[in-house]
PDB file of N, CA and C in Angstrom:
ATOM      1  N   MET A   1       0.162 -25.361 -22.474  1.00  0.00           N
ATOM      2  CA  MET A   1      -0.921 -24.553 -23.225  1.00  0.00           C
ATOM      3  C   MET A   1      -1.487 -23.624 -22.319  1.00  0.00           C
ATOM      4  N   LYS A   2      -0.978 -24.030 -20.522  1.00  0.00           N
ATOM      5  CA  LYS A   2      -1.893 -23.420 -20.193  1.00  0.00           C
ATOM      6  C   LYS A   2      -1.000 -22.168 -19.202  1.00  0.00           C
ATOM      7  N   LYS A   3       0.369 -22.333 -19.561  1.00  0.00           N
ATOM      8  CA  LYS A   3       1.088 -22.054 -18.889  1.00  0.00           C
ATOM      9  C   LYS A   3       1.238 -20.385 -20.574  1.00  0.00           C
ATOM     10  N   LEU A   4       1.444 -20.975 -21.270  1.00  0.00           N
ATOM     11  CA  LEU A   4       1.423 -19.688 -22.567  1.00  0.00           C
ATOM     12  C   LEU A   4       0.009 -19.328 -22.783  1.00  0.00           C
ATOM     13  N   LEU A   5      -1.222 -19.330 -22.033  1.00  0.00           N
ATOM     14  CA  LEU A   5      -2.255 -18.534 -22.058  1.00  0.00           C
ATOM     15  C   LEU A   5      -1.911 -17.450 -21.004  1.00  0.00           C
ATOM     16  N   LEU A   6      -1.748 -18.164 -19.636  1.00  0.00           N
ATOM     17  CA  LEU A   6      -1.172 -17.268 -18.704  1.00  0.00           C
ATOM     18  C   LEU A   6      -0.224 -16.172 -18.773  1.00  0.00           C
ATOM     19  N   LEU A   7       0.666 -16.242 -19.684  1.00  0.00           N
ATOM     20  CA  LEU A   7       2.128 -15.588 -19.794  1.00  0.00           C
ATOM     21  C   LEU A   7       1.260 -14.362 -20.784  1.00  0.00           C
ATOM     22  N   GLY A   8       0.750 -14.944 -22.094  1.00  0.00           N
ATOM     23  CA  GLY A   8      -0.183 -13.974 -22.651  1.00  0.00           C
ATOM     24  C   GLY A   8      -0.754 -12.853 -21.901  1.00  0.00           C
ATOM     25  N   ILE A   9      -1.545 -13.784 -21.263  1.00  0.00           N
ATOM     26  CA  ILE A   9      -2.554 -12.603 -20.540  1.00  0.00           C
ATOM     27  C   ILE A   9      -1.701 -11.609 -19.497  1.00  0.00           C
ATOM     28  N   LEU A  10      -0.730 -12.009 -18.681  1.00  0.00           N
ATOM     29  CA  LEU A  10       0.315 -11.617 -17.704  1.00  0.00           C
ATOM     30  C   LEU A  10       0.406 -10.216 -18.975  1.00  0.00           C
ATOM     31  N   SER A  11       1.415 -10.693 -19.913  1.00  0.00           N
ATOM     32  CA  SER A  11       2.067  -9.626 -20.538  1.00  0.00           C
ATOM     33  C   SER A  11       1.436  -8.529 -20.860  1.00  0.00           C
ATOM     34  N   THR A  12       0.024  -9.043 -21.322  1.00  0.00           N
ATOM     35  CA  THR A  12      -1.249  -7.913 -21.965  1.00  0.00           C
ATOM     36  C   THR A  12      -1.231  -7.018 -20.805  1.00  0.00           C
ATOM     37  N   TRP A  13      -1.744  -7.964 -19.915  1.00  0.00           N
ATOM     38  CA  TRP A  13      -1.824  -6.379 -18.339  1.00  0.00           C
ATOM     39  C   TRP A  13      -0.470  -5.565 -18.187  1.00  0.00           C
ATOM     40  N   ILE A  14       0.190  -6.217 -17.498  1.00  0.00           N
ATOM     41  CA  ILE A  14       1.728  -5.630 -17.768  1.00  0.00           C
ATOM     42  C   ILE A  14       1.902  -4.554 -19.077  1.00  0.00           C
ATOM     43  N   SER A  15       1.310  -4.385 -20.190  1.00  0.00           N
ATOM     44  CA  SER A  15       1.591  -3.541 -21.063  1.00  0.00           C
ATOM     45  C   SER A  15       0.548  -3.023 -20.841  1.00  0.00           C
ATOM     46  N   ALA A  16      -0.985  -2.910 -20.906  1.00  0.00           N
ATOM     47  CA  ALA A  16      -1.752  -1.652 -20.434  1.00  0.00           C
ATOM     48  C   ALA A  16      -0.876  -0.858 -19.132  1.00  0.00           C
ATOM     49  N   GLN A  17      -0.645  -1.892 -18.300  1.00  0.00           N
ATOM     50  CA  GLN A  17      -0.340  -0.971 -17.376  1.00  0.00           C
ATOM     51  C   GLN A  17       1.108  -0.105 -17.081  1.00  0.00           C
ATOM     52  N   ASP A  18       1.989  -0.177 -18.268  1.00  0.00           N
ATOM     53  CA  ASP A  18       3.176   0.526 -18.531  1.00  0.00           C
ATOM     54  C   ASP A  18       2.472   1.463 -19.848  1.00  0.00           C
ATOM     55  N   SER A  19       1.686   0.845 -20.037  1.00  0.00           N
ATOM     56  CA  SER A  19       0.788   2.524 -21.267  1.00  0.00           C
ATOM     57  C   SER A  19       0.121   3.308 -20.714  1.00  0.00           C
ATOM     58  N   SER A  20      -0.433   3.080 -19.517  1.00  0.00           N
ATOM     59  CA  SER A  20      -1.201   3.660 -19.064  1.00  0.00           C
ATOM     60  C   SER A  20      -0.656   4.982 -17.851  1.00  0.00           C
ATOM     61  N   LEU A  21       0.497   3.837 -17.666  1.00  0.00           N
ATOM     62  CA  LEU A  21       1.421   4.763 -16.661  1.00  0.00           C
ATOM     63  C   LEU A  21       2.209   5.948 -17.912  1.00  0.00           C
ATOM     64  N   ASP A  22       3.005   5.260 -18.974  1.00  0.00           N
ATOM     65  CA  ASP A  22       3.409   6.363 -19.902  1.00  0.00           C
ATOM     66  C   ASP A  22       2.217   7.478 -20.461  1.00  0.00           C
ATOM     67  N   LYS A  23       1.454   7.195 -20.446  1.00  0.00           N
ATOM     68  CA  LYS A  23       0.089   8.543 -20.743  1.00  0.00           C
ATOM     69  C   LYS A  23       0.111   9.110 -19.697  1.00  0.00           C
ATOM     70  N   THR A  24       0.302   8.468 -18.380  1.00  0.00           N
ATOM     71  CA  THR A  24      -0.134   9.428 -16.955  1.00  0.00           C
ATOM     72  C   THR A  24       1.238  10.669 -17.534  1.00  0.00           C
ATOM     73  N   PHE A  25       2.221  10.442 -17.573  1.00  0.00           N
ATOM     74  CA  PHE A  25       3.429  11.314 -17.631  1.00  0.00           C
ATOM     75  C   PHE A  25       4.019  12.037 -19.125  1.00  0.00           C
ATOM     76  N   ALA A  26       3.201  11.293 -19.683  1.00  0.00           N
ATOM     77  CA  ALA A  26       2.832  11.937 -21.087  1.00  0.00           C
ATOM     78  C   ALA A  26       1.693  13.353 -20.878  1.00  0.00           C
ATOM     79  N   SER A  27       0.571  13.217 -20.174  1.00  0.00           N
ATOM     80  CA  SER A  27      -0.141  14.196 -20.162  1.00  0.00           C
ATOM     81  C   SER A  27       0.525  15.332 -19.256  1.00  0.00           C
ATOM     82  N   MET A  28       1.043  14.641 -18.010  1.00  0.00           N
ATOM     83  CA  MET A  28       2.253  15.562 -17.139  1.00  0.00           C
ATOM     84  C   MET A  28       2.171  16.560 -17.578  1.00  0.00           C
ATOM     85  N   ASN A  29       3.105  15.859 -19.037  1.00  0.00           N
ATOM     86  CA  ASN A  29       4.573  16.578 -19.724  1.00  0.00           C
ATOM     87  C   ASN A  29       4.053  17.505 -20.281  1.00  0.00           C
ATOM     88  N   LYS A  30       2.876  17.538 -20.398  1.00  0.00           N
ATOM     89  CA  LYS A  30       2.105  18.443 -21.257  1.00  0.00           C
ATOM     90  C   LYS A  30       0.936  19.720 -20.463  1.00  0.00           C
ATOM     91  N   GLY A  31       0.989  19.197 -18.944  1.00  0.00           N
ATOM     92  CA  GLY A  31       0.163  20.029 -18.542  1.00  0.00           C
ATOM     93  C   GLY A  31      -1.042  19.963 -18.013  1.00  0.00           C
ATOM     94  N   ASP A  32      -1.685  18.763 -18.512  1.00  0.00           N
ATOM     95  CA  ASP A  32      -2.790  18.152 -18.848  1.00  0.00           C
ATOM     96  C   ASP A  32      -3.050  17.122 -17.550  1.00  0.00           C
ATOM     97  N   PHE A  33      -3.150  18.240 -16.370  1.00  0.00           N
ATOM     98  CA  PHE A  33      -3.044  16.899 -14.929  1.00  0.00           C
ATOM     99  C   PHE A  33      -4.380  16.384 -14.569  1.00  0.00           C
ATOM    100  N   LYS A  34      -5.392  16.829 -15.210  1.00  0.00           N
ATOM    101  CA  LYS A  34      -7.160  15.882 -15.204  1.00  0.00           C
ATOM    102  C   LYS A  34      -6.717  14.694 -15.832  1.00  0.00           C
ATOM    103  N   ASN A  35      -5.978  14.915 -17.258  1.00  0.00           N
ATOM    104  CA  ASN A  35      -6.240  13.815 -17.795  1.00  0.00           C
ATOM    105  C   ASN A  35      -5.237  12.760 -17.068  1.00  0.00           C
ATOM    106  N   ALA A  36      -3.899  13.190 -16.809  1.00  0.00           N
ATOM    107  CA  ALA A  36      -2.885  12.380 -16.158  1.00  0.00           C
ATOM    108  C   ALA A  36      -4.096  11.865 -14.954  1.00  0.00           C
ATOM    109  N   LEU A  37      -4.219  12.564 -13.885  1.00  0.00           N
ATOM    110  CA  LEU A  37      -5.035  11.752 -13.087  1.00  0.00           C
ATOM    111  C   LEU A  37      -6.098  10.830 -13.472  1.00  0.00           C
ATOM    112  N   SER A  38      -6.458  10.631 -14.647  1.00  0.00           N
ATOM    113  CA  SER A  38      -7.431   9.599 -15.387  1.00  0.00           C
ATOM    114  C   SER A  38      -6.542   8.475 -15.352  1.00  0.00           C
ATOM    115  N   TYR A  39      -5.710   8.488 -16.205  1.00  0.00           N
ATOM    116  CA  TYR A  39      -4.918   7.266 -16.685  1.00  0.00           C
ATOM    117  C   TYR A  39      -4.253   7.410 -15.248  1.00  0.00           C
ATOM    118  N   LEU A  40      -3.531   7.835 -14.194  1.00  0.00           N
ATOM    119  CA  LEU A  40      -2.921   7.078 -12.637  1.00  0.00           C
ATOM    120  C   LEU A  40      -3.675   6.540 -12.325  1.00  0.00           C
ATOM    121  N   GLU A  41      -5.244   6.636 -12.397  1.00  0.00           N
ATOM    122  CA  GLU A  41      -6.392   5.972 -11.881  1.00  0.00           C
ATOM    123  C   GLU A  41      -6.066   4.403 -12.104  1.00  0.00           C
ATOM    124  N   ILE A  42      -6.169   4.598 -13.373  1.00  0.00           N
ATOM    125  CA  ILE A  42      -6.062   3.404 -13.976  1.00  0.00           C
ATOM    126  C   ILE A  42      -4.795   2.044 -13.523  1.00  0.00           C
ATOM    127  N   VAL A  43      -3.452   2.591 -13.292  1.00  0.00           N
ATOM    128  CA  VAL A  43      -2.762   1.888 -12.551  1.00  0.00           C
ATOM    129  C   VAL A  43      -3.035   1.715 -11.394  1.00  0.00           C
ATOM    130  N   ILE A  44      -3.296   2.682 -10.639  1.00  0.00           N
ATOM    131  CA  ILE A  44      -3.614   2.496  -9.456  1.00  0.00           C
ATOM    132  C   ILE A  44      -4.591   1.550  -9.477  1.00  0.00           C
ATOM    133  N   ASN A  45      -5.922   1.207  -9.673  1.00  0.00           N
ATOM    134  CA  ASN A  45      -7.094   0.315  -9.878  1.00  0.00           C
ATOM    135  C   ASN A  45      -5.917  -0.779  -9.664  1.00  0.00           C
ATOM    136  N   ASN A  46      -4.746  -0.984 -10.388  1.00  0.00           N
ATOM    137  CA  ASN A  46      -4.346  -1.853 -11.141  1.00  0.00           C
ATOM    138  C   ASN A  46      -3.184  -2.746  -9.801  1.00  0.00           C
ATOM    139  N   ASP A  47      -2.558  -1.644  -9.005  1.00  0.00           N
ATOM    140  CA  ASP A  47      -1.102  -1.686  -8.228  1.00  0.00           C
ATOM    141  C   ASP A  47      -1.787  -0.690  -7.175  1.00  0.00           C
ATOM    142  N   SER A  48      -3.076  -1.401  -5.861  1.00  0.00           N
ATOM    143  CA  SER A  48      -3.357   0.044  -5.009  1.00  0.00           C
ATOM    144  C   SER A  48      -2.508  -0.203  -3.437  1.00  0.00           C
ATOM    145  N   LYS A  49      -1.274  -1.031  -4.002  1.00  0.00           N
ATOM    146  CA  LYS A  49      -0.438  -0.962  -2.366  1.00  0.00           C
ATOM    147  C   LYS A  49       0.743   0.502  -2.899  1.00  0.00           C
ATOM    148  N   ASN A  50       1.081   0.689  -3.930  1.00  0.00           N
ATOM    149  CA  ASN A  50       1.943   1.394  -4.322  1.00  0.00           C
ATOM    150  C   ASN A  50       1.557   2.543  -3.856  1.00  0.00           C
ATOM    151  N   PRO A  51       2.921   3.159  -2.938  1.00  0.00           N
ATOM    152  CA  PRO A  51       2.792   4.185  -2.129  1.00  0.00           C
ATOM    153  C   PRO A  51       3.234   5.391  -3.216  1.00  0.00           C
ATOM    154  N   GLU A  52       4.252   5.127  -4.389  1.00  0.00           N
ATOM    155  CA  GLU A  52       4.644   5.997  -5.098  1.00  0.00           C
ATOM    156  C   GLU A  52       3.163   6.130  -6.127  1.00  0.00           C
ATOM    157  N   LEU A  53       2.668   5.674  -5.875  1.00  0.00           N
ATOM    158  CA  LEU A  53       1.591   5.806  -6.936  1.00  0.00           C
ATOM    159  C   LEU A  53       0.724   7.125  -6.519  1.00  0.00           C
ATOM    160  N   PHE A  54       0.419   6.725  -5.140  1.00  0.00           N
ATOM    161  CA  PHE A  54      -0.279   7.918  -4.332  1.00  0.00           C
ATOM    162  C   PHE A  54       0.640   9.292  -4.277  1.00  0.00           C
ATOM    163  N   GLN A  55       2.151   9.265  -4.242  1.00  0.00           N
ATOM    164  CA  GLN A  55       2.890  10.518  -3.835  1.00  0.00           C
ATOM    165  C   GLN A  55       2.237  10.812  -5.311  1.00  0.00           C
ATOM    166  N   LEU A  56       2.358  10.522  -6.441  1.00  0.00           N
ATOM    167  CA  LEU A  56       2.152  10.870  -7.839  1.00  0.00           C
ATOM    168  C   LEU A  56       0.940  11.654  -7.773  1.00  0.00           C
ATOM    169  N   LYS A  57      -0.221  10.868  -7.466  1.00  0.00           N
ATOM    170  CA  LYS A  57      -1.501  11.197  -7.274  1.00  0.00           C
ATOM    171  C   LYS A  57      -1.517  12.913  -6.250  1.00  0.00           C
ATOM    172  N   GLY A  58      -0.730  12.835  -5.104  1.00  0.00           N
ATOM    173  CA  GLY A  58      -0.742  13.989  -4.102  1.00  0.00           C
ATOM    174  C   GLY A  58      -0.415  15.329  -4.908  1.00  0.00           C
ATOM    175  N   MET A  59       1.040  14.821  -6.009  1.00  0.00           N
ATOM    176  CA  MET A  59       1.450  15.899  -6.565  1.00  0.00           C
ATOM    177  C   MET A  59       0.397  16.854  -7.568  1.00  0.00           C
ATOM    178  N   LEU A  60      -0.564  15.626  -8.389  1.00  0.00           N
ATOM    179  CA  LEU A  60      -0.958  15.749  -9.549  1.00  0.00           C
ATOM    180  C   LEU A  60      -2.612  16.761  -8.567  1.00  0.00           C
ATOM    181  N   TYR A  61      -2.412  16.085  -7.646  1.00  0.00           N
ATOM    182  CA  TYR A  61      -4.380  17.125  -7.233  1.00  0.00           C
ATOM    183  C   TYR A  61      -3.951  18.510  -6.475  1.00  0.00           C
ATOM    184  N   GLU A  62      -2.235  18.670  -5.959  1.00  0.00           N
ATOM    185  CA  GLU A  62      -1.813  19.494  -5.631  1.00  0.00           C
ATOM    186  C   GLU A  62      -1.428  20.822  -7.064  1.00  0.00           C
ATOM    187  N   SER A  63      -1.323  20.266  -7.748  1.00  0.00           N
ATOM    188  CA  SER A  63      -0.846  21.300  -9.505  1.00  0.00           C
ATOM    189  C   SER A  63      -2.381  21.500  -9.797  1.00  0.00           C
ATOM    190  N   LEU A  64      -3.360  20.812  -8.976  1.00  0.00           N
ATOM    191  CA  LEU A  64      -4.661  21.232  -9.859  1.00  0.00           C
ATOM    192  C   LEU A  64      -5.684  22.298  -8.416  1.00  0.00           C
ATOM    193  N   ASN A  65      -4.793  22.394  -7.725  1.00  0.00           N
ATOM    194  CA  ASN A  65      -5.277  23.417  -6.555  1.00  0.00           C
ATOM    195  C   ASN A  65      -6.484  22.135  -5.750  1.00  0.00           C
ATOM    196  N   ASP A  66      -6.422  21.221  -5.675  1.00  0.00           N
ATOM    197  CA  ASP A  66      -7.238  20.254  -5.012  1.00  0.00           C
ATOM    198  C   ASP A  66      -6.893  19.761  -3.973  1.00  0.00           C
ATOM    199  N   GLU A  67      -7.178  20.836  -2.623  1.00  0.00           N
ATOM    200  CA  GLU A  67      -6.575  20.360  -1.497  1.00  0.00           C
ATOM    201  C   GLU A  67      -7.075  19.122  -0.492  1.00  0.00           C
ATOM    202  N   ASN A  68      -8.102  18.996  -0.558  1.00  0.00           N
ATOM    203  CA  ASN A  68      -9.033  18.054  -0.192  1.00  0.00           C
ATOM    204  C   ASN A  68      -8.531  16.266  -0.875  1.00  0.00           C
ATOM    205  N   ASN A  69      -8.399  16.096  -2.056  1.00  0.00           N
ATOM    206  CA  ASN A  69      -7.813  15.221  -2.838  1.00  0.00           C
ATOM    207  C   ASN A  69      -6.349  15.006  -2.315  1.00  0.00           C
ATOM    208  N   ALA A  70      -6.013  16.034  -2.583  1.00  0.00           N
ATOM    209  CA  ALA A  70      -4.375  16.075  -2.301  1.00  0.00           C
ATOM    210  C   ALA A  70      -3.881  15.330  -0.780  1.00  0.00           C
ATOM    211  N   LEU A  71      -4.344  15.745   0.419  1.00  0.00           N
ATOM    212  CA  LEU A  71      -4.315  15.632   1.461  1.00  0.00           C
ATOM    213  C   LEU A  71      -5.142  13.761   1.716  1.00  0.00           C
ATOM    214  N   GLN A  72      -5.689  13.389   0.931  1.00  0.00           N
ATOM    215  CA  GLN A  72      -6.348  12.388   0.885  1.00  0.00           C
ATOM    216  C   GLN A  72      -5.523  11.012   0.112  1.00  0.00           C
ATOM    217  N   ALA A  73      -4.475  11.928  -0.982  1.00  0.00           N
ATOM    218  CA  ALA A  73      -3.567  11.222  -1.436  1.00  0.00           C
ATOM    219  C   ALA A  73      -2.250  10.753  -0.747  1.00  0.00           C
ATOM    220  N   TRP A  74      -1.734  12.235  -0.117  1.00  0.00           N
ATOM    221  CA  TRP A  74      -0.623  12.015   0.446  1.00  0.00           C
ATOM    222  C   TRP A  74      -0.762  11.072   1.832  1.00  0.00           C
ATOM    223  N   LYS A  75      -2.220  10.913   2.150  1.00  0.00           N
ATOM    224  CA  LYS A  75      -2.147  10.013   3.908  1.00  0.00           C
ATOM    225  C   LYS A  75      -2.046   8.515   3.114  1.00  0.00           C
ATOM    226  N   GLU A  76      -2.826   7.975   2.027  1.00  0.00           N
ATOM    227  CA  GLU A  76      -2.193   6.885   1.583  1.00  0.00           C
ATOM    228  C   GLU A  76      -1.276   6.604   1.223  1.00  0.00           C
ATOM    229  N   CYS A  77      -0.543   7.798   0.975  1.00  0.00           N
ATOM    230  CA  CYS A  77       1.246   7.438   0.517  1.00  0.00           C
ATOM    231  C   CYS A  77       2.019   7.248   1.600  1.00  0.00           C
ATOM    232  N   LYS A  78       1.674   7.898   3.223  1.00  0.00           N
ATOM    233  CA  LYS A  78       2.502   7.538   3.975  1.00  0.00           C
ATOM    234  C   LYS A  78       2.094   6.351   4.656  1.00  0.00           C
ATOM    235  N   ARG A  79       0.691   5.990   4.486  1.00  0.00           N
ATOM    236  CA  ARG A  79       0.092   4.759   5.319  1.00  0.00           C
ATOM    237  C   ARG A  79       0.486   3.403   4.390  1.00  0.00           C
ATOM    238  N   LEU A  80       1.238   3.499   3.281  1.00  0.00           N
ATOM    239  CA  LEU A  80       1.852   2.300   1.988  1.00  0.00           C
ATOM    240  C   LEU A  80       2.841   2.278   2.336  1.00  0.00           C
ATOM    241  N   SER A  81       3.455   3.244   2.846  1.00  0.00           N
ATOM    242  CA  SER A  81       4.627   3.944   2.874  1.00  0.00           C
ATOM    243  C   SER A  81       5.665   2.996   4.371  1.00  0.00           C
ATOM    244  N   ASN A  82       7.048   1.998   3.550  1.00  0.00           N
ATOM    245  CA  ASN A  82       7.893   1.959   4.450  1.00  0.00           C
ATOM    246  C   ASN A  82       9.392   2.640   4.672  1.00  0.00           C
ATOM    247  N   ASN A  83       9.289   3.535   3.403  1.00  0.00           N
ATOM    248  CA  ASN A  83      10.325   3.856   3.198  1.00  0.00           C
ATOM    249  C   ASN A  83      10.636   5.732   4.355  1.00  0.00           C
ATOM    250  N   ASN A  84      11.175   5.806   4.906  1.00  0.00           N
ATOM    251  CA  ASN A  84      12.166   6.590   6.466  1.00  0.00           C
ATOM    252  C   ASN A  84      11.491   8.443   5.085  1.00  0.00           C
ATOM    253  N   SER A  85      12.291   7.988   3.743  1.00  0.00           N
ATOM    254  CA  SER A  85      11.860   9.610   3.196  1.00  0.00           C
ATOM    255  C   SER A  85      11.105   9.852   2.830  1.00  0.00           C
ATOM    256  N   LEU A  86       9.992   8.721   2.051  1.00  0.00           N
ATOM    257  CA  LEU A  86       8.825   9.299   1.390  1.00  0.00           C
ATOM    258  C   LEU A  86       7.980   9.609   2.478  1.00  0.00           C
ATOM    259  N   ILE A  87       7.707   8.913   4.089  1.00  0.00           N
ATOM    260  CA  ILE A  87       6.704   9.005   5.097  1.00  0.00           C
ATOM    261  C   ILE A  87       7.105  10.424   5.272  1.00  0.00           C
ATOM    262  N   LEU A  88       8.362  11.556   5.336  1.00  0.00           N
ATOM    263  CA  LEU A  88       8.469  12.310   5.612  1.00  0.00           C
ATOM    264  C   LEU A  88       8.228  13.250   4.851  1.00  0.00           C
ATOM    265  N   GLU A  89       8.238  13.651   3.577  1.00  0.00           N
ATOM    266  CA  GLU A  89       7.581  14.160   2.461  1.00  0.00           C
ATOM    267  C   GLU A  89       6.482  13.933   2.470  1.00  0.00           C
ATOM    268  N   ALA A  90       5.433  13.060   2.895  1.00  0.00           N
ATOM    269  CA  ALA A  90       4.486  12.970   3.165  1.00  0.00           C
ATOM    270  C   ALA A  90       3.733  14.153   4.254  1.00  0.00           C
ATOM    271  N   ASN A  91       4.783  13.660   4.665  1.00  0.00           N
ATOM    272  CA  ASN A  91       4.575  14.220   6.697  1.00  0.00           C
ATOM    273  C   ASN A  91       4.255  15.934   5.830  1.00  0.00           C
ATOM    274  N   ASN A  92       5.440  16.145   5.161  1.00  0.00           N
ATOM    275  CA  ASN A  92       5.286  17.604   4.891  1.00  0.00           C
ATOM    276  C   ASN A  92       4.661  18.523   3.925  1.00  0.00           C
ATOM    277  N   HIS A  93       4.062  17.577   3.072  1.00  0.00           N
ATOM    278  CA  HIS A  93       2.998  17.980   1.837  1.00  0.00           C
ATOM    279  C   HIS A  93       1.241  17.734   2.986  1.00  0.00           C
ATOM    280  N   ILE A  94       1.435  16.689   4.313  1.00  0.00           N
ATOM    281  CA  ILE A  94       0.141  16.427   4.575  1.00  0.00           C
ATOM    282  C   ILE A  94      -0.170  17.635   5.511  1.00  0.00           C
ATOM    283  N   GLN A  95       0.714  18.428   5.703  1.00  0.00           N
ATOM    284  CA  GLN A  95       0.682  19.492   7.406  1.00  0.00           C
ATOM    285  C   GLN A  95       1.193  20.552   6.161  1.00  0.00           C
ATOM    286  N   LEU A  96       1.357  20.581   4.973  1.00  0.00           N
ATOM    287  CA  LEU A  96       1.219  22.460   4.813  1.00  0.00           C
ATOM    288  C   LEU A  96      -0.268  21.950   3.701  1.00  0.00           C
ATOM    289  N   LEU A  97      -0.822  20.790   3.486  1.00  0.00           N
ATOM    290  CA  LEU A  97      -2.355  20.894   3.213  1.00  0.00           C
ATOM    291  C   LEU A  97      -3.280  21.513   4.371  1.00  0.00           C
ATOM    292  N   LYS A  98      -3.357  21.032   5.523  1.00  0.00           N
ATOM    293  CA  LYS A  98      -3.886  21.345   6.366  1.00  0.00           C
ATOM    294  C   LYS A  98      -3.617  22.828   6.708  1.00  0.00           C
ATOM    295  N   GLN A  99      -2.373  23.080   6.174  1.00  0.00           N
ATOM    296  CA  GLN A  99      -2.738  24.534   6.663  1.00  0.00           C
ATOM    297  C   GLN A  99      -3.114  25.838   6.077  1.00  0.00           C
ATOM    298  N   LEU A 100      -3.716  24.709   4.659  1.00  0.00           N
ATOM    299  CA  LEU A 100      -4.358  25.707   3.344  1.00  0.00           C
ATOM    300  C   LEU A 100      -5.722  25.518   3.946  1.00  0.00           C
ATOM    301  N   LYS A 101      -5.945  24.557   4.590  1.00  0.00           N
ATOM    302  CA  LYS A 101      -7.782  24.770   4.649  1.00  0.00           C
ATOM    303  C   LYS A 101      -8.361  25.542   5.553  1.00  0.00           C
TER     304      LYS A 101
END
C-alpha cells in the first residue's frame, strides 16, 4: 500500500513537472516570454540543479532584454554544468552580456 501511494505521488509530481515544462515551451512558441519564465520557475523549483533549465532561463531573459537576470541565469548554468559545450556557451553569453552593461 505504501509503495502504491508513493508511486501515485511520484507520478503526480512528474506529471506536474512535464506540464509546467510543456507550458513553458507553449508560451515561448507564442512569444509570451514572461509567462514562459513563470512556468519555468515552477520547473526550476523542483529541479534546481539542472543547468539546461538555467540555460533556457538565460535565453528567455535575453529575449526580454533583461541583461541582469540573464547574466545571473547564465552564471548559474555555468556553475552547475559539467558539459564543456554548455560551459562554453554560457561563457560566451556572459561575456556578451557584460559588454552590454
